[in-house]
């Protein structure tokens, strides 16, 4: 990833963390890496484990940030989430997949939270 894209992604994740905290999410992990992929943010929303993908764009020229979470990306997130739940002994907990979409053209960022953005990809089991 080019340096300026990495900076944009990192600053987007920072904004997302602050935003989620204002929504009373309890942050558990950031940039969790498993052999099957990375999860941007893992948090608790009351009693639900949330796997949160953060997408940041500077313009909508290529679509909205949340539209970049395509089926293949959902599959990778699902796989990594199952690894996390199993490793932490949380398979019996409620879980969901959220997307934080950040449009950051200049000084003022627009942040949207899409709760339950997609379902677990059931073509994979762990």
N, C-alpha and C. Protein backbone atom coordinates (compact mmCIF):
# COMPACT_ATOMS: atom_id res chain seq x y z
N UNK A 1 0.85 -1.17 0.00
CA UNK A 1 0.00 0.00 0.00
C UNK A 1 0.90 1.24 0.00
N UNK A 2 0.66 2.18 -0.92
CA UNK A 2 1.47 3.40 -0.94
C UNK A 2 1.37 4.14 0.39
N UNK A 3 2.43 4.90 0.69
CA UNK A 3 2.54 5.57 1.99
C UNK A 3 1.34 6.46 2.29
N UNK A 4 0.87 7.25 1.31
CA UNK A 4 -0.26 8.15 1.59
C UNK A 4 -1.56 7.36 1.80
N UNK A 5 -1.71 6.20 1.14
CA UNK A 5 -2.89 5.35 1.38
C UNK A 5 -2.83 4.73 2.77
N UNK A 6 -1.64 4.35 3.20
CA UNK A 6 -1.46 3.80 4.53
C UNK A 6 -1.80 4.85 5.59
N UNK A 7 -1.35 6.08 5.36
CA UNK A 7 -1.67 7.18 6.28
C UNK A 7 -3.18 7.42 6.33
N UNK A 8 -3.84 7.41 5.17
CA UNK A 8 -5.29 7.61 5.11
C UNK A 8 -6.01 6.50 5.86
N UNK A 9 -5.59 5.26 5.66
CA UNK A 9 -6.22 4.12 6.33
C UNK A 9 -6.02 4.22 7.85
N UNK A 10 -4.83 4.54 8.28
CA UNK A 10 -4.53 4.65 9.71
C UNK A 10 -5.32 5.80 10.33
N UNK A 11 -5.37 6.94 9.67
CA UNK A 11 -6.12 8.07 10.23
C UNK A 11 -7.61 7.76 10.24
N UNK A 12 -8.09 7.01 9.24
CA UNK A 12 -9.49 6.58 9.22
C UNK A 12 -9.80 5.67 10.40
N UNK A 13 -8.90 4.75 10.69
CA UNK A 13 -9.10 3.86 11.84
C UNK A 13 -9.09 4.64 13.16
N UNK A 14 -8.22 5.64 13.25
CA UNK A 14 -8.20 6.48 14.45
C UNK A 14 -9.54 7.20 14.63
N UNK A 15 -10.05 7.77 13.54
CA UNK A 15 -11.36 8.44 13.59
C UNK A 15 -12.46 7.46 13.97
N UNK A 16 -12.41 6.27 13.38
CA UNK A 16 -13.42 5.24 13.66
C UNK A 16 -13.40 4.85 15.13
N UNK A 17 -12.22 4.67 15.70
CA UNK A 17 -12.11 4.31 17.12
C UNK A 17 -12.75 5.37 18.00
N UNK A 18 -12.43 6.63 17.75
CA UNK A 18 -13.02 7.72 18.53
C UNK A 18 -14.53 7.75 18.38
N UNK A 19 -14.99 7.57 17.14
CA UNK A 19 -16.43 7.57 16.85
C UNK A 19 -17.13 6.43 17.58
N UNK A 20 -16.56 5.23 17.51
CA UNK A 20 -17.17 4.06 18.16
C UNK A 20 -17.22 4.23 19.68
N UNK A 21 -16.21 4.84 20.24
CA UNK A 21 -16.21 5.09 21.69
C UNK A 21 -17.35 6.02 22.08
N UNK A 22 -17.66 7.01 21.24
CA UNK A 22 -18.80 7.90 21.54
C UNK A 22 -20.12 7.15 21.45
N UNK A 23 -20.14 6.04 20.71
CA UNK A 23 -21.34 5.20 20.58
C UNK A 23 -21.36 4.10 21.64
N UNK A 24 -20.44 4.18 22.60
CA UNK A 24 -20.37 3.26 23.75
C UNK A 24 -19.87 1.86 23.41
N UNK A 25 -19.18 1.72 22.28
CA UNK A 25 -18.52 0.45 21.97
C UNK A 25 -17.30 0.32 22.89
N UNK A 26 -17.05 -0.90 23.37
CA UNK A 26 -15.84 -1.17 24.15
C UNK A 26 -14.83 -1.83 23.21
N UNK A 27 -13.74 -1.17 22.94
CA UNK A 27 -12.75 -1.66 21.99
C UNK A 27 -11.96 -2.82 22.62
N UNK A 28 -11.93 -3.94 21.91
CA UNK A 28 -11.19 -5.12 22.37
C UNK A 28 -9.85 -5.26 21.67
N UNK A 29 -9.85 -5.04 20.36
CA UNK A 29 -8.63 -5.23 19.56
C UNK A 29 -8.64 -4.26 18.39
N UNK A 30 -7.43 -3.94 17.93
CA UNK A 30 -7.27 -3.15 16.71
C UNK A 30 -6.24 -3.87 15.85
N UNK A 31 -6.53 -3.99 14.57
CA UNK A 31 -5.64 -4.65 13.61
C UNK A 31 -5.27 -6.06 14.05
N UNK A 32 -6.28 -6.84 14.40
CA UNK A 32 -6.07 -8.24 14.79
C UNK A 32 -5.69 -9.04 13.56
N UNK A 33 -4.58 -9.72 13.65
CA UNK A 33 -4.09 -10.52 12.52
C UNK A 33 -4.23 -12.01 12.83
N UNK A 34 -4.77 -12.73 11.86
CA UNK A 34 -4.83 -14.18 11.95
C UNK A 34 -4.24 -14.72 10.66
N UNK A 35 -3.98 -16.02 10.58
CA UNK A 35 -3.46 -16.59 9.34
C UNK A 35 -4.43 -16.39 8.16
N UNK A 36 -5.69 -16.12 8.46
CA UNK A 36 -6.70 -16.00 7.40
C UNK A 36 -7.10 -14.57 7.08
N UNK A 37 -6.48 -13.59 7.73
CA UNK A 37 -6.79 -12.21 7.41
C UNK A 37 -6.71 -11.30 8.61
N UNK A 38 -6.95 -10.02 8.36
CA UNK A 38 -6.89 -9.00 9.40
C UNK A 38 -8.27 -8.42 9.66
N UNK A 39 -8.51 -8.11 10.92
CA UNK A 39 -9.75 -7.45 11.33
C UNK A 39 -9.36 -6.06 11.83
N UNK A 40 -9.98 -5.01 11.27
CA UNK A 40 -9.60 -3.65 11.62
C UNK A 40 -9.85 -3.37 13.10
N UNK A 41 -11.08 -3.59 13.54
CA UNK A 41 -11.45 -3.32 14.92
C UNK A 41 -12.39 -4.43 15.41
N UNK A 42 -12.16 -4.87 16.63
CA UNK A 42 -13.07 -5.80 17.29
C UNK A 42 -13.53 -5.09 18.55
N UNK A 43 -14.84 -5.04 18.75
CA UNK A 43 -15.38 -4.30 19.89
C UNK A 43 -16.63 -4.98 20.41
N UNK A 44 -17.02 -4.60 21.62
CA UNK A 44 -18.28 -5.05 22.19
C UNK A 44 -19.29 -3.91 22.10
N UNK A 45 -20.47 -4.22 21.59
CA UNK A 45 -21.61 -3.31 21.63
C UNK A 45 -22.62 -4.00 22.52
N UNK A 46 -22.66 -3.60 23.76
CA UNK A 46 -23.43 -4.28 24.82
C UNK A 46 -22.91 -5.70 24.94
N UNK A 47 -23.71 -6.71 24.57
CA UNK A 47 -23.27 -8.11 24.70
C UNK A 47 -22.93 -8.75 23.36
N UNK A 48 -22.73 -7.95 22.34
CA UNK A 48 -22.45 -8.46 21.00
C UNK A 48 -21.02 -8.15 20.59
N UNK A 49 -20.30 -9.17 20.13
CA UNK A 49 -18.96 -8.98 19.59
C UNK A 49 -19.11 -8.44 18.17
N UNK A 50 -18.50 -7.30 17.91
CA UNK A 50 -18.61 -6.66 16.59
C UNK A 50 -17.26 -6.68 15.88
N UNK A 51 -17.28 -7.16 14.68
CA UNK A 51 -16.11 -7.14 13.81
C UNK A 51 -16.33 -5.98 12.85
N UNK A 52 -15.48 -4.98 12.96
CA UNK A 52 -15.73 -3.71 12.28
C UNK A 52 -14.67 -3.47 11.22
N UNK A 53 -15.13 -3.35 9.99
CA UNK A 53 -14.26 -3.02 8.87
C UNK A 53 -14.35 -1.51 8.67
N UNK A 54 -13.20 -0.87 8.55
CA UNK A 54 -13.15 0.58 8.36
C UNK A 54 -12.70 0.87 6.93
N UNK A 55 -13.50 1.66 6.23
CA UNK A 55 -13.15 2.06 4.87
C UNK A 55 -13.15 3.58 4.80
N UNK A 56 -12.03 4.13 4.33
CA UNK A 56 -11.86 5.57 4.26
C UNK A 56 -11.54 5.97 2.82
N UNK A 57 -12.20 7.01 2.36
CA UNK A 57 -11.96 7.54 1.02
C UNK A 57 -11.87 9.06 1.10
N UNK A 58 -11.20 9.65 0.13
CA UNK A 58 -11.13 11.11 0.06
C UNK A 58 -12.17 11.67 -0.91
N UNK A 59 -12.77 10.81 -1.73
CA UNK A 59 -13.84 11.24 -2.64
C UNK A 59 -14.71 10.03 -2.96
N UNK A 60 -15.85 10.30 -3.57
CA UNK A 60 -16.74 9.20 -3.97
C UNK A 60 -16.56 8.84 -5.44
N UNK A 61 -15.45 9.25 -6.00
CA UNK A 61 -15.16 8.99 -7.42
C UNK A 61 -15.26 7.50 -7.77
N UNK A 62 -14.85 6.65 -6.85
CA UNK A 62 -14.90 5.20 -7.08
C UNK A 62 -15.98 4.54 -6.23
N UNK A 63 -16.95 5.33 -5.78
CA UNK A 63 -18.04 4.81 -4.97
C UNK A 63 -17.86 5.16 -3.50
N UNK A 64 -18.87 4.83 -2.74
CA UNK A 64 -18.82 5.10 -1.30
C UNK A 64 -17.85 4.13 -0.62
N UNK A 65 -17.25 4.55 0.47
CA UNK A 65 -16.29 3.66 1.15
C UNK A 65 -16.89 2.30 1.50
N UNK A 66 -18.12 2.29 1.99
CA UNK A 66 -18.74 1.02 2.41
C UNK A 66 -18.95 0.06 1.23
N UNK A 67 -19.04 0.59 0.02
CA UNK A 67 -19.23 -0.26 -1.15
C UNK A 67 -17.98 -1.07 -1.49
N UNK A 68 -16.86 -0.73 -0.87
CA UNK A 68 -15.62 -1.46 -1.11
C UNK A 68 -15.56 -2.77 -0.33
N UNK A 69 -16.53 -3.00 0.55
CA UNK A 69 -16.57 -4.26 1.31
C UNK A 69 -17.38 -5.26 0.48
N UNK A 70 -16.73 -5.74 -0.55
CA UNK A 70 -17.36 -6.66 -1.51
C UNK A 70 -17.40 -8.08 -0.95
N UNK A 71 -18.04 -8.97 -1.65
CA UNK A 71 -18.24 -10.35 -1.19
C UNK A 71 -16.93 -11.04 -0.80
N UNK A 72 -15.90 -10.88 -1.61
CA UNK A 72 -14.61 -11.52 -1.29
C UNK A 72 -14.04 -10.99 0.02
N UNK A 73 -14.17 -9.69 0.25
CA UNK A 73 -13.70 -9.09 1.50
C UNK A 73 -14.53 -9.59 2.67
N UNK A 74 -15.83 -9.71 2.48
CA UNK A 74 -16.72 -10.24 3.52
C UNK A 74 -16.31 -11.65 3.90
N UNK A 75 -15.95 -12.46 2.92
CA UNK A 75 -15.53 -13.84 3.16
C UNK A 75 -14.26 -13.86 4.02
N UNK A 76 -13.28 -13.01 3.69
CA UNK A 76 -12.03 -12.94 4.46
C UNK A 76 -12.29 -12.48 5.89
N UNK A 77 -13.16 -11.50 6.05
CA UNK A 77 -13.49 -11.00 7.39
C UNK A 77 -14.19 -12.11 8.18
N UNK A 78 -15.11 -12.82 7.54
CA UNK A 78 -15.81 -13.93 8.20
C UNK A 78 -14.84 -14.99 8.69
N UNK A 79 -13.89 -15.34 7.85
CA UNK A 79 -12.91 -16.36 8.22
C UNK A 79 -12.07 -15.91 9.41
N UNK A 80 -11.58 -14.69 9.36
CA UNK A 80 -10.76 -14.17 10.46
C UNK A 80 -11.59 -14.05 11.74
N UNK A 81 -12.85 -13.67 11.61
CA UNK A 81 -13.73 -13.54 12.78
C UNK A 81 -13.94 -14.89 13.46
N UNK A 82 -14.14 -15.94 12.66
CA UNK A 82 -14.31 -17.27 13.24
C UNK A 82 -13.06 -17.73 13.98
N UNK A 83 -11.89 -17.43 13.42
CA UNK A 83 -10.63 -17.75 14.09
C UNK A 83 -10.58 -17.04 15.43
N UNK A 84 -10.91 -15.75 15.44
CA UNK A 84 -10.88 -14.96 16.68
C UNK A 84 -11.84 -15.53 17.72
N UNK A 85 -13.08 -15.78 17.31
CA UNK A 85 -14.09 -16.29 18.25
C UNK A 85 -13.66 -17.62 18.85
N UNK A 86 -13.11 -18.49 18.02
CA UNK A 86 -12.68 -19.80 18.51
C UNK A 86 -11.49 -19.66 19.45
N UNK A 87 -10.49 -18.87 19.04
CA UNK A 87 -9.29 -18.68 19.85
C UNK A 87 -9.61 -18.08 21.22
N UNK A 88 -10.58 -17.18 21.26
CA UNK A 88 -10.94 -16.50 22.51
C UNK A 88 -12.05 -17.21 23.29
N UNK A 89 -12.54 -18.35 22.76
CA UNK A 89 -13.59 -19.09 23.44
C UNK A 89 -14.93 -18.36 23.45
N UNK A 90 -15.22 -17.67 22.36
CA UNK A 90 -16.42 -16.83 22.29
C UNK A 90 -17.44 -17.32 21.25
N UNK A 91 -17.34 -18.58 20.84
CA UNK A 91 -18.25 -19.08 19.80
C UNK A 91 -19.71 -19.05 20.22
N UNK A 92 -19.98 -18.99 21.52
CA UNK A 92 -21.36 -18.97 21.99
C UNK A 92 -21.90 -17.54 22.14
N UNK A 93 -21.07 -16.52 21.87
CA UNK A 93 -21.49 -15.12 21.97
C UNK A 93 -22.17 -14.65 20.69
N UNK A 94 -23.06 -13.66 20.85
CA UNK A 94 -23.65 -13.01 19.67
C UNK A 94 -22.55 -12.23 18.97
N UNK A 95 -22.58 -12.24 17.66
CA UNK A 95 -21.57 -11.51 16.89
C UNK A 95 -22.23 -10.89 15.66
N UNK A 96 -21.62 -9.82 15.17
CA UNK A 96 -22.12 -9.20 13.93
C UNK A 96 -20.97 -8.48 13.24
N UNK A 97 -21.24 -8.10 12.00
CA UNK A 97 -20.25 -7.42 11.18
C UNK A 97 -20.75 -6.01 10.88
N UNK A 98 -19.97 -5.03 11.30
CA UNK A 98 -20.30 -3.63 11.05
C UNK A 98 -19.26 -3.04 10.10
N UNK A 99 -19.64 -1.95 9.44
CA UNK A 99 -18.71 -1.21 8.59
C UNK A 99 -18.77 0.25 9.01
N UNK A 100 -17.60 0.84 9.23
CA UNK A 100 -17.52 2.28 9.43
C UNK A 100 -16.99 2.87 8.14
N UNK A 101 -17.81 3.73 7.56
CA UNK A 101 -17.52 4.36 6.28
C UNK A 101 -17.13 5.82 6.54
N UNK A 102 -15.93 6.19 6.09
CA UNK A 102 -15.43 7.54 6.35
C UNK A 102 -15.11 8.23 5.03
N UNK A 103 -15.78 9.36 4.79
CA UNK A 103 -15.47 10.20 3.65
C UNK A 103 -14.66 11.36 4.21
N UNK A 104 -13.39 11.42 3.82
CA UNK A 104 -12.45 12.35 4.44
C UNK A 104 -11.78 13.21 3.36
N UNK A 105 -12.56 14.12 2.73
CA UNK A 105 -11.99 14.89 1.64
C UNK A 105 -11.00 15.98 2.10
N UNK A 106 -11.20 16.50 3.28
CA UNK A 106 -10.32 17.57 3.79
C UNK A 106 -10.40 17.58 5.31
N UNK A 107 -10.61 18.74 5.89
CA UNK A 107 -10.64 18.88 7.34
C UNK A 107 -11.78 18.11 8.00
N UNK A 108 -12.96 18.16 7.41
CA UNK A 108 -14.16 17.62 8.05
C UNK A 108 -14.52 16.25 7.49
N UNK A 109 -14.43 15.24 8.31
CA UNK A 109 -14.75 13.87 7.88
C UNK A 109 -16.22 13.58 8.14
N UNK A 110 -16.84 12.83 7.21
CA UNK A 110 -18.21 12.35 7.40
C UNK A 110 -18.12 10.87 7.73
N UNK A 111 -18.66 10.48 8.89
CA UNK A 111 -18.54 9.11 9.37
C UNK A 111 -19.92 8.48 9.45
N UNK A 112 -20.06 7.30 8.85
CA UNK A 112 -21.31 6.54 8.92
C UNK A 112 -21.01 5.15 9.46
N UNK A 113 -21.90 4.68 10.32
CA UNK A 113 -21.79 3.33 10.87
C UNK A 113 -22.92 2.49 10.28
N UNK A 114 -22.54 1.39 9.65
CA UNK A 114 -23.53 0.45 9.13
C UNK A 114 -23.47 -0.78 10.02
N UNK A 115 -24.47 -0.91 10.89
CA UNK A 115 -24.53 -2.07 11.78
C UNK A 115 -25.09 -3.25 11.00
N UNK A 116 -24.57 -4.43 11.30
CA UNK A 116 -25.04 -5.65 10.63
C UNK A 116 -24.93 -5.50 9.11
N UNK A 117 -23.79 -5.03 8.66
CA UNK A 117 -23.59 -4.71 7.24
C UNK A 117 -23.66 -5.94 6.34
N UNK A 118 -23.28 -7.10 6.88
CA UNK A 118 -23.35 -8.34 6.10
C UNK A 118 -23.41 -9.52 7.06
N UNK A 119 -23.79 -10.66 6.52
CA UNK A 119 -23.92 -11.89 7.30
C UNK A 119 -22.63 -12.70 7.23
N UNK A 120 -22.48 -13.60 8.18
CA UNK A 120 -21.35 -14.52 8.18
C UNK A 120 -21.37 -15.34 6.90
N UNK A 121 -20.21 -15.44 6.26
CA UNK A 121 -20.10 -16.29 5.07
C UNK A 121 -20.06 -17.74 5.54
N UNK A 122 -21.11 -18.48 5.29
CA UNK A 122 -21.23 -19.85 5.81
C UNK A 122 -20.55 -20.90 4.92
N UNK A 123 -19.88 -20.45 3.86
CA UNK A 123 -19.17 -21.43 3.03
C UNK A 123 -17.86 -21.86 3.69
N UNK A 124 -17.54 -21.24 4.81
CA UNK A 124 -16.30 -21.56 5.52
C UNK A 124 -16.64 -21.92 6.95
N UNK A 125 -16.01 -22.95 7.47
CA UNK A 125 -16.18 -23.27 8.88
C UNK A 125 -14.82 -23.46 9.50
N UNK A 126 -14.74 -23.23 10.78
CA UNK A 126 -13.45 -23.33 11.45
C UNK A 126 -13.62 -24.13 12.72
